[in-house]
N, C-alpha and C. Protein backbone atom coordinates (compact mmCIF):
# COMPACT_ATOMS: atom_id res chain seq x y z
N MET A 1 0.84 -1.19 0.00
CA MET A 1 0.00 0.00 0.00
C MET A 1 0.89 1.25 0.00
N SER A 2 0.67 2.09 -0.98
CA SER A 2 1.52 3.27 -1.10
C SER A 2 1.15 4.31 -0.05
N ALA A 3 2.15 5.09 0.35
CA ALA A 3 1.93 6.12 1.37
C ALA A 3 1.16 7.29 0.77
N VAL A 4 0.37 7.93 1.61
CA VAL A 4 -0.40 9.08 1.19
C VAL A 4 0.37 10.34 1.56
N HIS A 5 0.57 11.20 0.57
CA HIS A 5 1.32 12.44 0.80
C HIS A 5 0.40 13.64 0.61
N ASP A 6 0.56 14.61 1.49
CA ASP A 6 -0.20 15.85 1.35
C ASP A 6 0.30 16.63 0.13
N VAL A 7 -0.61 17.21 -0.61
CA VAL A 7 -0.25 18.03 -1.75
C VAL A 7 -0.24 19.50 -1.32
N LYS A 8 0.90 20.14 -1.47
CA LYS A 8 1.03 21.54 -1.08
C LYS A 8 0.72 22.44 -2.28
N LEU A 9 -0.12 23.43 -2.05
CA LEU A 9 -0.49 24.35 -3.11
C LEU A 9 0.55 25.45 -3.30
N TRP A 10 1.42 25.61 -2.31
CA TRP A 10 2.40 26.67 -2.39
C TRP A 10 3.78 26.15 -2.00
N SER A 11 4.78 26.87 -2.44
CA SER A 11 6.16 26.48 -2.13
C SER A 11 6.90 27.56 -1.35
N ASN A 12 6.25 28.70 -1.17
CA ASN A 12 6.88 29.78 -0.40
C ASN A 12 5.79 30.65 0.24
N LYS A 13 6.22 31.57 1.07
CA LYS A 13 5.29 32.41 1.82
C LYS A 13 4.43 33.27 0.90
N LYS A 14 5.01 33.77 -0.18
CA LYS A 14 4.27 34.63 -1.11
C LYS A 14 3.13 33.86 -1.76
N GLU A 15 3.42 32.64 -2.20
CA GLU A 15 2.38 31.83 -2.83
C GLU A 15 1.29 31.46 -1.83
N ARG A 16 1.69 31.19 -0.60
CA ARG A 16 0.71 30.86 0.43
C ARG A 16 -0.23 32.04 0.67
N GLN A 17 0.31 33.25 0.73
CA GLN A 17 -0.50 34.45 0.92
C GLN A 17 -1.47 34.63 -0.23
N GLN A 18 -1.00 34.32 -1.44
CA GLN A 18 -1.86 34.46 -2.61
C GLN A 18 -3.06 33.52 -2.53
N TYR A 19 -2.82 32.27 -2.15
CA TYR A 19 -3.92 31.32 -2.04
C TYR A 19 -4.87 31.69 -0.90
N GLU A 20 -4.34 32.26 0.15
CA GLU A 20 -5.21 32.71 1.24
C GLU A 20 -6.09 33.87 0.77
N ASN A 21 -5.53 34.74 -0.06
CA ASN A 21 -6.32 35.83 -0.62
C ASN A 21 -7.38 35.30 -1.57
N PHE A 22 -7.03 34.27 -2.36
CA PHE A 22 -8.02 33.62 -3.23
C PHE A 22 -9.19 33.10 -2.39
N ALA A 23 -8.86 32.43 -1.29
CA ALA A 23 -9.89 31.85 -0.41
C ALA A 23 -10.76 32.96 0.19
N ASN A 24 -10.13 34.07 0.59
CA ASN A 24 -10.88 35.18 1.15
C ASN A 24 -11.82 35.81 0.12
N LEU A 25 -11.33 35.94 -1.12
CA LEU A 25 -12.15 36.51 -2.19
C LEU A 25 -13.34 35.60 -2.49
N PHE A 26 -13.08 34.30 -2.56
CA PHE A 26 -14.13 33.31 -2.80
C PHE A 26 -15.21 33.42 -1.72
N ALA A 27 -14.77 33.43 -0.46
CA ALA A 27 -15.71 33.49 0.67
C ALA A 27 -16.48 34.80 0.68
N LEU A 28 -15.82 35.89 0.33
CA LEU A 28 -16.45 37.21 0.34
C LEU A 28 -17.55 37.28 -0.71
N ILE A 29 -17.29 36.77 -1.89
CA ILE A 29 -18.29 36.77 -2.96
C ILE A 29 -19.50 35.93 -2.57
N LYS A 30 -19.25 34.75 -1.99
CA LYS A 30 -20.35 33.89 -1.54
C LYS A 30 -21.17 34.57 -0.44
N THR A 31 -20.49 35.27 0.47
CA THR A 31 -21.18 35.96 1.57
C THR A 31 -22.07 37.07 1.05
N ILE A 32 -21.55 37.86 0.09
CA ILE A 32 -22.35 38.95 -0.48
C ILE A 32 -23.55 38.40 -1.23
N GLU A 33 -23.38 37.28 -1.92
CA GLU A 33 -24.51 36.65 -2.62
C GLU A 33 -25.61 36.28 -1.63
N LYS A 34 -25.22 35.69 -0.50
CA LYS A 34 -26.20 35.30 0.52
C LYS A 34 -26.86 36.53 1.14
N LEU A 35 -26.08 37.59 1.35
CA LEU A 35 -26.63 38.81 1.92
C LEU A 35 -27.65 39.43 0.96
N GLU A 36 -27.33 39.45 -0.33
CA GLU A 36 -28.26 40.01 -1.32
C GLU A 36 -29.57 39.22 -1.35
N LYS A 37 -29.47 37.91 -1.27
CA LYS A 37 -30.68 37.09 -1.28
C LYS A 37 -31.49 37.29 -0.01
N ALA A 38 -30.80 37.45 1.12
CA ALA A 38 -31.50 37.70 2.38
C ALA A 38 -32.24 39.03 2.32
N TYR A 39 -31.60 40.04 1.72
CA TYR A 39 -32.25 41.34 1.57
C TYR A 39 -33.47 41.25 0.66
N MET A 40 -33.34 40.55 -0.47
CA MET A 40 -34.45 40.42 -1.41
C MET A 40 -35.61 39.64 -0.81
N ASN A 41 -35.31 38.73 0.11
CA ASN A 41 -36.35 37.93 0.76
C ASN A 41 -36.85 38.56 2.05
N SER A 42 -36.42 39.80 2.32
CA SER A 42 -36.83 40.53 3.53
C SER A 42 -36.45 39.79 4.81
N ALA A 43 -35.33 39.05 4.73
CA ALA A 43 -34.87 38.31 5.90
C ALA A 43 -33.88 39.12 6.73
N VAL A 44 -33.58 40.34 6.29
CA VAL A 44 -32.67 41.21 7.01
C VAL A 44 -33.19 42.64 6.92
N GLN A 45 -33.06 43.40 7.99
CA GLN A 45 -33.52 44.78 8.01
C GLN A 45 -32.68 45.65 7.07
N ASN A 46 -33.29 46.69 6.51
CA ASN A 46 -32.59 47.56 5.56
C ASN A 46 -31.31 48.16 6.15
N ASP A 47 -31.41 48.66 7.39
CA ASP A 47 -30.23 49.28 8.01
C ASP A 47 -29.11 48.27 8.21
N THR A 48 -29.46 47.07 8.67
CA THR A 48 -28.46 46.02 8.89
C THR A 48 -27.82 45.61 7.58
N TYR A 49 -28.66 45.47 6.56
CA TYR A 49 -28.15 45.11 5.23
C TYR A 49 -27.18 46.16 4.71
N GLU A 50 -27.57 47.43 4.83
CA GLU A 50 -26.74 48.51 4.28
C GLU A 50 -25.37 48.57 4.96
N VAL A 51 -25.36 48.45 6.28
CA VAL A 51 -24.09 48.49 7.01
C VAL A 51 -23.20 47.31 6.62
N SER A 52 -23.78 46.11 6.58
CA SER A 52 -23.01 44.90 6.25
C SER A 52 -22.50 44.95 4.82
N CYS A 53 -23.37 45.35 3.90
CA CYS A 53 -22.98 45.41 2.49
C CYS A 53 -21.85 46.41 2.28
N THR A 54 -21.95 47.57 2.91
CA THR A 54 -20.90 48.58 2.79
C THR A 54 -19.56 48.04 3.30
N GLU A 55 -19.60 47.30 4.39
CA GLU A 55 -18.39 46.72 4.97
C GLU A 55 -17.78 45.70 4.02
N TYR A 56 -18.62 44.83 3.45
CA TYR A 56 -18.13 43.79 2.54
C TYR A 56 -17.56 44.39 1.26
N VAL A 57 -18.20 45.41 0.74
CA VAL A 57 -17.70 46.05 -0.48
C VAL A 57 -16.34 46.69 -0.21
N ALA A 58 -16.17 47.29 0.97
CA ALA A 58 -14.88 47.88 1.33
C ALA A 58 -13.80 46.82 1.41
N LYS A 59 -14.13 45.67 2.00
CA LYS A 59 -13.17 44.57 2.09
C LYS A 59 -12.82 44.05 0.70
N TYR A 60 -13.82 44.00 -0.17
CA TYR A 60 -13.59 43.54 -1.54
C TYR A 60 -12.60 44.46 -2.25
N LYS A 61 -12.78 45.76 -2.09
CA LYS A 61 -11.88 46.71 -2.75
C LYS A 61 -10.45 46.57 -2.24
N THR A 62 -10.31 46.29 -0.94
CA THR A 62 -8.98 46.06 -0.37
C THR A 62 -8.35 44.81 -0.95
N LEU A 63 -9.14 43.75 -1.06
CA LEU A 63 -8.65 42.50 -1.64
C LEU A 63 -8.27 42.67 -3.11
N ARG A 64 -9.06 43.43 -3.85
CA ARG A 64 -8.79 43.64 -5.27
C ARG A 64 -7.44 44.32 -5.45
N THR A 65 -7.12 45.23 -4.55
CA THR A 65 -5.81 45.88 -4.63
C THR A 65 -4.69 44.87 -4.43
N ALA A 66 -4.88 43.94 -3.49
CA ALA A 66 -3.86 42.94 -3.20
C ALA A 66 -3.74 41.91 -4.32
N LEU A 67 -4.82 41.69 -5.06
CA LEU A 67 -4.86 40.65 -6.09
C LEU A 67 -4.87 41.21 -7.50
N VAL A 68 -4.48 42.46 -7.65
CA VAL A 68 -4.59 43.11 -8.95
C VAL A 68 -3.78 42.38 -10.03
N ASP A 69 -2.66 41.75 -9.66
CA ASP A 69 -1.84 41.03 -10.64
C ASP A 69 -2.35 39.62 -10.89
N SER A 70 -2.71 38.90 -9.83
CA SER A 70 -3.11 37.50 -9.96
C SER A 70 -4.58 37.33 -10.35
N VAL A 71 -5.41 38.34 -10.06
CA VAL A 71 -6.83 38.26 -10.45
C VAL A 71 -7.21 39.57 -11.16
N PRO A 72 -6.75 39.74 -12.40
CA PRO A 72 -7.08 40.98 -13.12
C PRO A 72 -8.54 41.06 -13.52
N ASP A 73 -9.21 39.91 -13.59
CA ASP A 73 -10.62 39.87 -14.01
C ASP A 73 -11.41 39.00 -13.03
N VAL A 74 -12.26 39.62 -12.22
CA VAL A 74 -13.03 38.88 -11.21
C VAL A 74 -14.03 37.93 -11.87
N GLN A 75 -14.59 38.31 -13.01
CA GLN A 75 -15.54 37.43 -13.70
C GLN A 75 -14.85 36.13 -14.11
N HIS A 76 -13.61 36.22 -14.56
CA HIS A 76 -12.84 35.02 -14.92
C HIS A 76 -12.58 34.18 -13.67
N PHE A 77 -12.27 34.83 -12.56
CA PHE A 77 -12.04 34.13 -11.28
C PHE A 77 -13.30 33.37 -10.88
N MET A 78 -14.46 34.00 -11.01
CA MET A 78 -15.71 33.36 -10.64
C MET A 78 -16.01 32.16 -11.55
N ALA A 79 -15.71 32.30 -12.83
CA ALA A 79 -15.93 31.19 -13.76
C ALA A 79 -14.98 30.03 -13.47
N THR A 80 -13.74 30.36 -13.14
CA THR A 80 -12.73 29.33 -12.87
C THR A 80 -13.11 28.48 -11.66
N TYR A 81 -13.65 29.12 -10.64
CA TYR A 81 -13.98 28.41 -9.41
C TYR A 81 -15.49 28.15 -9.27
N ALA A 82 -16.19 28.17 -10.43
CA ALA A 82 -17.62 27.82 -10.47
C ALA A 82 -18.45 28.61 -9.48
N LEU A 83 -18.20 29.91 -9.42
CA LEU A 83 -18.94 30.79 -8.53
C LEU A 83 -20.10 31.42 -9.30
N HIS A 84 -21.27 30.84 -9.18
CA HIS A 84 -22.45 31.41 -9.84
C HIS A 84 -23.14 32.31 -8.83
N CYS A 85 -22.71 33.55 -8.83
CA CYS A 85 -23.23 34.53 -7.85
C CYS A 85 -23.59 35.82 -8.58
N PRO A 86 -24.65 35.81 -9.38
CA PRO A 86 -25.01 37.00 -10.16
C PRO A 86 -25.34 38.22 -9.33
N SER A 87 -25.99 38.01 -8.18
CA SER A 87 -26.35 39.16 -7.33
C SER A 87 -25.11 39.82 -6.74
N ALA A 88 -24.17 39.00 -6.30
CA ALA A 88 -22.92 39.53 -5.76
C ALA A 88 -22.12 40.23 -6.85
N GLN A 89 -22.12 39.66 -8.04
CA GLN A 89 -21.39 40.25 -9.15
C GLN A 89 -21.92 41.64 -9.47
N HIS A 90 -23.25 41.78 -9.48
CA HIS A 90 -23.85 43.09 -9.73
C HIS A 90 -23.53 44.07 -8.60
N ARG A 91 -23.63 43.59 -7.36
CA ARG A 91 -23.41 44.49 -6.22
C ARG A 91 -21.98 45.00 -6.21
N LEU A 92 -21.02 44.13 -6.52
CA LEU A 92 -19.62 44.54 -6.52
C LEU A 92 -19.32 45.46 -7.70
N HIS A 93 -20.05 45.27 -8.79
CA HIS A 93 -19.87 46.16 -9.94
C HIS A 93 -20.39 47.56 -9.63
N VAL A 94 -21.57 47.63 -8.99
CA VAL A 94 -22.15 48.92 -8.62
C VAL A 94 -21.34 49.58 -7.51
N GLY A 95 -20.94 48.77 -6.52
CA GLY A 95 -20.08 49.28 -5.45
C GLY A 95 -20.78 49.93 -4.28
N ILE A 96 -22.11 49.88 -4.26
CA ILE A 96 -22.87 50.44 -3.15
C ILE A 96 -24.05 49.52 -2.85
N PRO A 97 -24.61 49.57 -1.63
CA PRO A 97 -25.75 48.71 -1.28
C PRO A 97 -26.98 49.01 -2.12
N ALA A 98 -27.86 48.03 -2.24
CA ALA A 98 -29.09 48.20 -3.02
C ALA A 98 -29.97 49.29 -2.44
N THR A 99 -29.93 49.47 -1.12
CA THR A 99 -30.75 50.49 -0.48
C THR A 99 -30.37 51.89 -0.92
N ILE A 100 -29.10 52.06 -1.31
CA ILE A 100 -28.64 53.36 -1.82
C ILE A 100 -28.84 53.42 -3.33
N GLU A 101 -28.55 52.32 -4.02
CA GLU A 101 -28.71 52.28 -5.48
C GLU A 101 -30.14 52.62 -5.88
N HIS A 102 -31.11 52.03 -5.18
CA HIS A 102 -32.52 52.26 -5.50
C HIS A 102 -33.18 53.23 -4.52
N ARG A 103 -32.41 53.75 -3.63
CA ARG A 103 -32.80 54.74 -2.64
C ARG A 103 -34.11 54.39 -1.95
N VAL A 104 -34.05 53.38 -1.11
CA VAL A 104 -35.20 52.99 -0.30
C VAL A 104 -35.46 54.08 0.72
N ASN A 105 -36.66 54.61 0.72
CA ASN A 105 -37.00 55.71 1.63
C ASN A 105 -37.08 55.24 3.07
N ARG A 106 -36.48 56.00 3.96
CA ARG A 106 -36.52 55.72 5.39
C ARG A 106 -36.82 57.02 6.13
N PRO A 107 -37.38 56.95 7.31
CA PRO A 107 -37.72 58.16 8.05
C PRO A 107 -36.54 59.09 8.27
N ALA A 108 -35.34 58.53 8.38
CA ALA A 108 -34.17 59.35 8.68
C ALA A 108 -33.46 59.89 7.44
N ASP A 109 -34.07 59.69 6.25
CA ASP A 109 -33.44 60.18 5.03
C ASP A 109 -33.18 61.67 5.09
N GLN A 110 -32.06 62.07 4.50
CA GLN A 110 -31.74 63.50 4.44
C GLN A 110 -32.67 64.18 3.44
N SER A 111 -32.79 65.48 3.56
CA SER A 111 -33.65 66.23 2.64
C SER A 111 -33.02 66.27 1.25
N PHE A 112 -33.88 66.56 0.27
CA PHE A 112 -33.42 66.67 -1.12
C PHE A 112 -32.30 67.70 -1.25
N ALA A 113 -32.47 68.85 -0.62
CA ALA A 113 -31.49 69.93 -0.74
C ALA A 113 -30.12 69.51 -0.20
N VAL A 114 -30.11 68.78 0.92
CA VAL A 114 -28.85 68.33 1.51
C VAL A 114 -28.17 67.32 0.59
N ASN A 115 -28.95 66.41 -0.01
CA ASN A 115 -28.37 65.42 -0.92
C ASN A 115 -27.78 66.06 -2.16
N VAL A 116 -28.47 67.07 -2.69
CA VAL A 116 -27.96 67.79 -3.86
C VAL A 116 -26.67 68.52 -3.50
N ALA A 117 -26.65 69.15 -2.35
CA ALA A 117 -25.46 69.88 -1.90
C ALA A 117 -24.27 68.92 -1.76
N GLU A 118 -24.54 67.71 -1.28
CA GLU A 118 -23.48 66.72 -1.14
C GLU A 118 -22.92 66.32 -2.50
N CYS A 119 -23.81 66.18 -3.49
CA CYS A 119 -23.37 65.85 -4.84
C CYS A 119 -22.47 66.95 -5.41
N VAL A 120 -22.92 68.18 -5.26
CA VAL A 120 -22.14 69.32 -5.77
C VAL A 120 -20.78 69.36 -5.09
N HIS A 121 -20.76 69.15 -3.78
CA HIS A 121 -19.49 69.13 -3.03
C HIS A 121 -18.55 68.06 -3.58
N ASN A 122 -19.08 66.87 -3.84
CA ASN A 122 -18.24 65.77 -4.32
C ASN A 122 -17.81 65.96 -5.77
N PHE A 123 -18.67 66.58 -6.59
CA PHE A 123 -18.27 66.90 -7.96
C PHE A 123 -17.07 67.85 -7.94
N ILE A 124 -17.19 68.92 -7.18
CA ILE A 124 -16.13 69.92 -7.11
C ILE A 124 -14.86 69.32 -6.51
N GLY A 125 -15.02 68.47 -5.48
CA GLY A 125 -13.86 67.84 -4.86
C GLY A 125 -13.10 66.95 -5.84
N ALA A 126 -13.83 66.20 -6.64
CA ALA A 126 -13.19 65.33 -7.63
C ALA A 126 -12.46 66.14 -8.69
N MET A 127 -13.11 67.20 -9.16
CA MET A 127 -12.47 68.04 -10.18
C MET A 127 -11.25 68.75 -9.63
N ASP A 128 -11.33 69.25 -8.41
CA ASP A 128 -10.18 69.92 -7.79
C ASP A 128 -9.01 68.96 -7.61
N THR A 129 -9.31 67.72 -7.25
CA THR A 129 -8.26 66.72 -7.08
C THR A 129 -7.47 66.54 -8.37
N LEU A 130 -8.18 66.45 -9.49
CA LEU A 130 -7.52 66.28 -10.78
C LEU A 130 -6.77 67.53 -11.20
N LYS A 131 -7.35 68.70 -10.91
CA LYS A 131 -6.69 69.95 -11.28
C LYS A 131 -5.42 70.20 -10.47
N LEU A 132 -5.28 69.51 -9.33
CA LEU A 132 -4.07 69.62 -8.51
C LEU A 132 -3.01 68.61 -8.95
N ASN A 133 -3.24 68.02 -10.14
CA ASN A 133 -2.29 67.07 -10.74
C ASN A 133 -2.13 65.78 -9.94
N MET A 134 -3.15 65.39 -9.22
CA MET A 134 -3.14 64.10 -8.55
C MET A 134 -3.61 63.04 -9.54
N SER A 135 -2.85 61.97 -9.68
CA SER A 135 -3.18 60.99 -10.72
C SER A 135 -3.14 59.55 -10.24
N ALA A 136 -2.77 59.30 -8.97
CA ALA A 136 -2.69 57.92 -8.46
C ALA A 136 -4.07 57.42 -8.06
N LYS A 137 -4.24 56.10 -8.13
CA LYS A 137 -5.53 55.50 -7.77
C LYS A 137 -5.96 55.89 -6.36
N ASP A 138 -5.04 55.80 -5.39
CA ASP A 138 -5.44 56.07 -4.00
C ASP A 138 -5.72 57.54 -3.75
N GLN A 139 -5.46 58.41 -4.73
CA GLN A 139 -5.79 59.82 -4.62
C GLN A 139 -7.14 60.14 -5.28
N ILE A 140 -7.45 59.42 -6.36
CA ILE A 140 -8.64 59.73 -7.15
C ILE A 140 -9.83 58.83 -6.84
N ALA A 141 -9.58 57.52 -6.71
CA ALA A 141 -10.67 56.56 -6.54
C ALA A 141 -11.60 56.88 -5.36
N PRO A 142 -11.07 57.28 -4.19
CA PRO A 142 -11.98 57.63 -3.07
C PRO A 142 -12.93 58.77 -3.42
N CYS A 143 -12.47 59.73 -4.21
CA CYS A 143 -13.33 60.85 -4.63
C CYS A 143 -14.45 60.35 -5.52
N LEU A 144 -14.13 59.42 -6.43
CA LEU A 144 -15.15 58.89 -7.32
C LEU A 144 -16.14 58.02 -6.55
N ASP A 145 -15.66 57.28 -5.56
CA ASP A 145 -16.55 56.47 -4.72
C ASP A 145 -17.56 57.37 -3.99
N ASP A 146 -17.05 58.45 -3.41
CA ASP A 146 -17.92 59.39 -2.67
C ASP A 146 -18.94 60.03 -3.61
N LEU A 147 -18.49 60.40 -4.81
CA LEU A 147 -19.38 61.04 -5.77
C LEU A 147 -20.46 60.07 -6.23
N SER A 148 -20.07 58.85 -6.53
CA SER A 148 -21.04 57.84 -6.97
C SER A 148 -22.09 57.58 -5.90
N ALA A 149 -21.65 57.42 -4.67
CA ALA A 149 -22.59 57.15 -3.57
C ALA A 149 -23.56 58.32 -3.38
N SER A 150 -23.06 59.56 -3.51
CA SER A 150 -23.93 60.72 -3.31
C SER A 150 -24.95 60.85 -4.43
N LEU A 151 -24.58 60.47 -5.66
CA LEU A 151 -25.54 60.55 -6.77
C LEU A 151 -26.72 59.61 -6.54
N TYR A 152 -26.46 58.46 -5.94
CA TYR A 152 -27.53 57.50 -5.70
C TYR A 152 -28.44 57.93 -4.54
N LYS A 153 -28.04 58.96 -3.83
CA LYS A 153 -28.89 59.48 -2.76
C LYS A 153 -29.96 60.43 -3.31
N VAL A 154 -29.85 60.75 -4.60
CA VAL A 154 -30.83 61.63 -5.24
C VAL A 154 -31.72 60.75 -6.12
N PRO A 155 -32.87 60.29 -5.60
CA PRO A 155 -33.70 59.33 -6.33
C PRO A 155 -34.26 59.86 -7.63
N GLN A 156 -34.29 61.19 -7.79
CA GLN A 156 -34.84 61.77 -9.01
C GLN A 156 -33.92 61.56 -10.22
N LEU A 157 -32.65 61.20 -9.98
CA LEU A 157 -31.73 60.95 -11.09
C LEU A 157 -32.04 59.60 -11.72
N PRO A 158 -32.17 59.52 -13.03
CA PRO A 158 -32.44 58.23 -13.68
C PRO A 158 -31.22 57.32 -13.60
N ASN A 159 -31.45 56.02 -13.71
CA ASN A 159 -30.35 55.06 -13.62
C ASN A 159 -29.34 55.24 -14.75
N ASN A 160 -29.80 55.76 -15.89
CA ASN A 160 -28.89 55.95 -17.03
C ASN A 160 -28.31 57.36 -17.06
N PHE A 161 -28.41 58.09 -15.96
CA PHE A 161 -27.82 59.43 -15.88
C PHE A 161 -26.34 59.32 -16.23
N VAL A 162 -25.86 60.22 -17.06
CA VAL A 162 -24.50 60.14 -17.59
C VAL A 162 -23.46 60.09 -16.48
N GLY A 163 -23.72 60.77 -15.38
CA GLY A 163 -22.76 60.75 -14.28
C GLY A 163 -22.59 59.36 -13.69
N LYS A 164 -23.68 58.62 -13.57
CA LYS A 164 -23.61 57.26 -13.01
C LYS A 164 -22.87 56.33 -13.96
N THR A 165 -23.25 56.35 -15.23
CA THR A 165 -22.64 55.42 -16.19
C THR A 165 -21.16 55.73 -16.41
N THR A 166 -20.82 57.02 -16.46
CA THR A 166 -19.42 57.41 -16.66
C THR A 166 -18.56 56.98 -15.47
N LEU A 167 -19.07 57.21 -14.27
CA LEU A 167 -18.31 56.83 -13.07
C LEU A 167 -18.09 55.33 -13.01
N HIS A 168 -19.08 54.53 -13.41
CA HIS A 168 -18.91 53.08 -13.39
C HIS A 168 -17.75 52.64 -14.28
N VAL A 169 -17.63 53.30 -15.45
CA VAL A 169 -16.54 52.96 -16.38
C VAL A 169 -15.19 53.24 -15.74
N TRP A 170 -15.05 54.41 -15.13
CA TRP A 170 -13.77 54.77 -14.51
C TRP A 170 -13.48 53.95 -13.26
N MET A 171 -14.52 53.64 -12.49
CA MET A 171 -14.32 52.84 -11.28
C MET A 171 -13.91 51.41 -11.64
N ASP A 172 -14.43 50.89 -12.75
CA ASP A 172 -14.00 49.58 -13.22
C ASP A 172 -12.52 49.61 -13.61
N LYS A 173 -12.11 50.71 -14.21
CA LYS A 173 -10.70 50.85 -14.59
C LYS A 173 -9.80 50.86 -13.36
N PHE A 174 -10.18 51.64 -12.36
CA PHE A 174 -9.39 51.72 -11.13
C PHE A 174 -9.38 50.39 -10.38
N ASP A 175 -10.43 49.60 -10.57
CA ASP A 175 -10.55 48.33 -9.87
C ASP A 175 -9.40 47.39 -10.21
N SER A 176 -8.83 47.52 -11.40
CA SER A 176 -7.75 46.64 -11.83
C SER A 176 -6.37 47.27 -11.64
N MET A 177 -6.30 48.38 -10.91
CA MET A 177 -5.03 49.07 -10.68
C MET A 177 -4.58 48.94 -9.23
N ARG A 178 -3.25 49.02 -9.03
CA ARG A 178 -2.72 49.09 -7.67
C ARG A 178 -2.97 50.49 -7.11
N ALA A 179 -2.87 50.60 -5.80
CA ALA A 179 -3.11 51.89 -5.16
C ALA A 179 -2.15 52.97 -5.67
N SER A 180 -0.90 52.58 -5.97
CA SER A 180 0.10 53.55 -6.40
C SER A 180 0.11 53.78 -7.91
N ASP A 181 -0.62 52.98 -8.67
CA ASP A 181 -0.67 53.16 -10.13
C ASP A 181 -1.27 54.52 -10.46
N GLU A 182 -0.75 55.14 -11.52
CA GLU A 182 -1.21 56.48 -11.89
C GLU A 182 -1.83 56.50 -13.29
N LEU A 183 -2.76 57.40 -13.48
CA LEU A 183 -3.32 57.62 -14.80
C LEU A 183 -2.33 58.45 -15.62
N GLY A 184 -2.35 58.24 -16.93
CA GLY A 184 -1.52 59.06 -17.79
C GLY A 184 -2.11 60.46 -17.94
N GLU A 185 -1.33 61.36 -18.49
CA GLU A 185 -1.79 62.74 -18.63
C GLU A 185 -3.07 62.83 -19.45
N ASP A 186 -3.16 62.06 -20.54
CA ASP A 186 -4.35 62.07 -21.38
C ASP A 186 -5.55 61.50 -20.63
N GLU A 187 -5.32 60.48 -19.80
CA GLU A 187 -6.41 59.87 -19.04
C GLU A 187 -6.94 60.83 -17.98
N VAL A 188 -6.05 61.54 -17.32
CA VAL A 188 -6.47 62.54 -16.33
C VAL A 188 -7.32 63.62 -17.00
N ARG A 189 -6.86 64.04 -18.15
CA ARG A 189 -7.59 65.07 -18.88
C ARG A 189 -8.98 64.57 -19.29
N GLN A 190 -9.05 63.31 -19.74
CA GLN A 190 -10.34 62.74 -20.15
C GLN A 190 -11.28 62.58 -18.96
N LEU A 191 -10.73 62.12 -17.82
CA LEU A 191 -11.54 61.95 -16.62
C LEU A 191 -12.10 63.29 -16.15
N LEU A 192 -11.26 64.31 -16.15
CA LEU A 192 -11.72 65.64 -15.76
C LEU A 192 -12.84 66.12 -16.69
N TYR A 193 -12.66 65.88 -17.98
CA TYR A 193 -13.68 66.27 -18.95
C TYR A 193 -14.99 65.52 -18.69
N ASP A 194 -14.90 64.22 -18.42
CA ASP A 194 -16.09 63.41 -18.17
C ASP A 194 -16.84 63.89 -16.92
N ILE A 195 -16.07 64.23 -15.87
CA ILE A 195 -16.71 64.70 -14.64
C ILE A 195 -17.37 66.06 -14.86
N GLU A 196 -16.71 66.93 -15.63
CA GLU A 196 -17.29 68.25 -15.91
C GLU A 196 -18.58 68.12 -16.72
N ILE A 197 -18.60 67.19 -17.69
CA ILE A 197 -19.80 66.95 -18.48
C ILE A 197 -20.92 66.44 -17.57
N SER A 198 -20.58 65.52 -16.67
CA SER A 198 -21.57 64.97 -15.74
C SER A 198 -22.10 66.05 -14.80
N TYR A 199 -21.21 66.91 -14.34
CA TYR A 199 -21.61 68.00 -13.44
C TYR A 199 -22.56 68.97 -14.14
N ASN A 200 -22.24 69.31 -15.39
CA ASN A 200 -23.10 70.21 -16.15
C ASN A 200 -24.47 69.58 -16.39
N ALA A 201 -24.48 68.26 -16.65
CA ALA A 201 -25.75 67.55 -16.86
C ALA A 201 -26.57 67.55 -15.56
N PHE A 202 -25.88 67.37 -14.44
CA PHE A 202 -26.54 67.38 -13.13
C PHE A 202 -27.18 68.74 -12.87
N MET A 203 -26.43 69.81 -13.12
CA MET A 203 -26.94 71.15 -12.87
C MET A 203 -28.07 71.48 -13.84
N HIS A 204 -27.99 70.97 -15.06
CA HIS A 204 -29.04 71.20 -16.05
C HIS A 204 -30.35 70.55 -15.59
N LEU A 205 -30.25 69.33 -15.05
CA LEU A 205 -31.44 68.64 -14.54
C LEU A 205 -32.06 69.43 -13.38
N LEU A 206 -31.21 70.00 -12.55
CA LEU A 206 -31.70 70.82 -11.44
C LEU A 206 -32.48 72.03 -11.96
N GLY A 207 -31.89 72.67 -12.99
CA GLY A 207 -32.51 73.88 -13.53
C GLY A 207 -33.82 73.62 -14.24
N THR A 208 -33.88 72.55 -15.06
CA THR A 208 -35.07 72.27 -15.84
C THR A 208 -36.21 71.72 -15.00
N SER A 209 -35.87 71.22 -13.80
CA SER A 209 -36.91 70.65 -12.95
C SER A 209 -37.40 71.64 -11.89
N GLY A 210 -36.83 72.82 -11.92
CA GLY A 210 -37.25 73.83 -10.96
C GLY A 210 -36.79 73.53 -9.56
N GLY A 211 -35.67 72.75 -9.42
CA GLY A 211 -35.12 72.46 -8.12
C GLY A 211 -35.64 71.18 -7.54
N GLY A 212 -36.59 70.51 -8.21
CA GLY A 212 -37.10 69.26 -7.66
C GLY A 212 -36.87 68.09 -8.58
N MET A 213 -36.16 68.30 -9.68
CA MET A 213 -35.89 67.27 -10.66
C MET A 213 -37.20 66.60 -11.09
């Protein structure tokens, strides 16, 4: 009878860390899928769901930074390990909880005017960041995250609003970059242009709707 030998997946500390990150990513995607289903089935309160989802999305973004070289495409990772988690895939692509994406009304919701002011603040903050010649992911991506989240707090904005769709494209790009990776000069210029176009569209909607969209 032949001896049974353990099969090692790694040969050094770096490879071991990589496989541990793979396992964490796998578990995180499965957890978000279960959370999304619990929310859709009303098995979890809106506030609890929103807090948990925000935490998991933040952890996902941290993991993506660590795995940017070994997992450049999360969809490919999910296919490789037979992860059929469409709800989690959508949530991670959007990057915010469903309660914010679809703006579920709650008694403690901020007023329309406050939400609009927050959007304007984040638009200007993102543009100022680029005008100060900041081009690294860890300098720009947080501004785009804040701007995206604030736009979803204004329920009067349609889902196909140019600001939302444009930000998704750029956030997907940053998702595959390291924290220290920088945009090229042409990319910074294009991003600034895209944000300015989105800001003008936002202000135009405000004006044509008489302040109530």
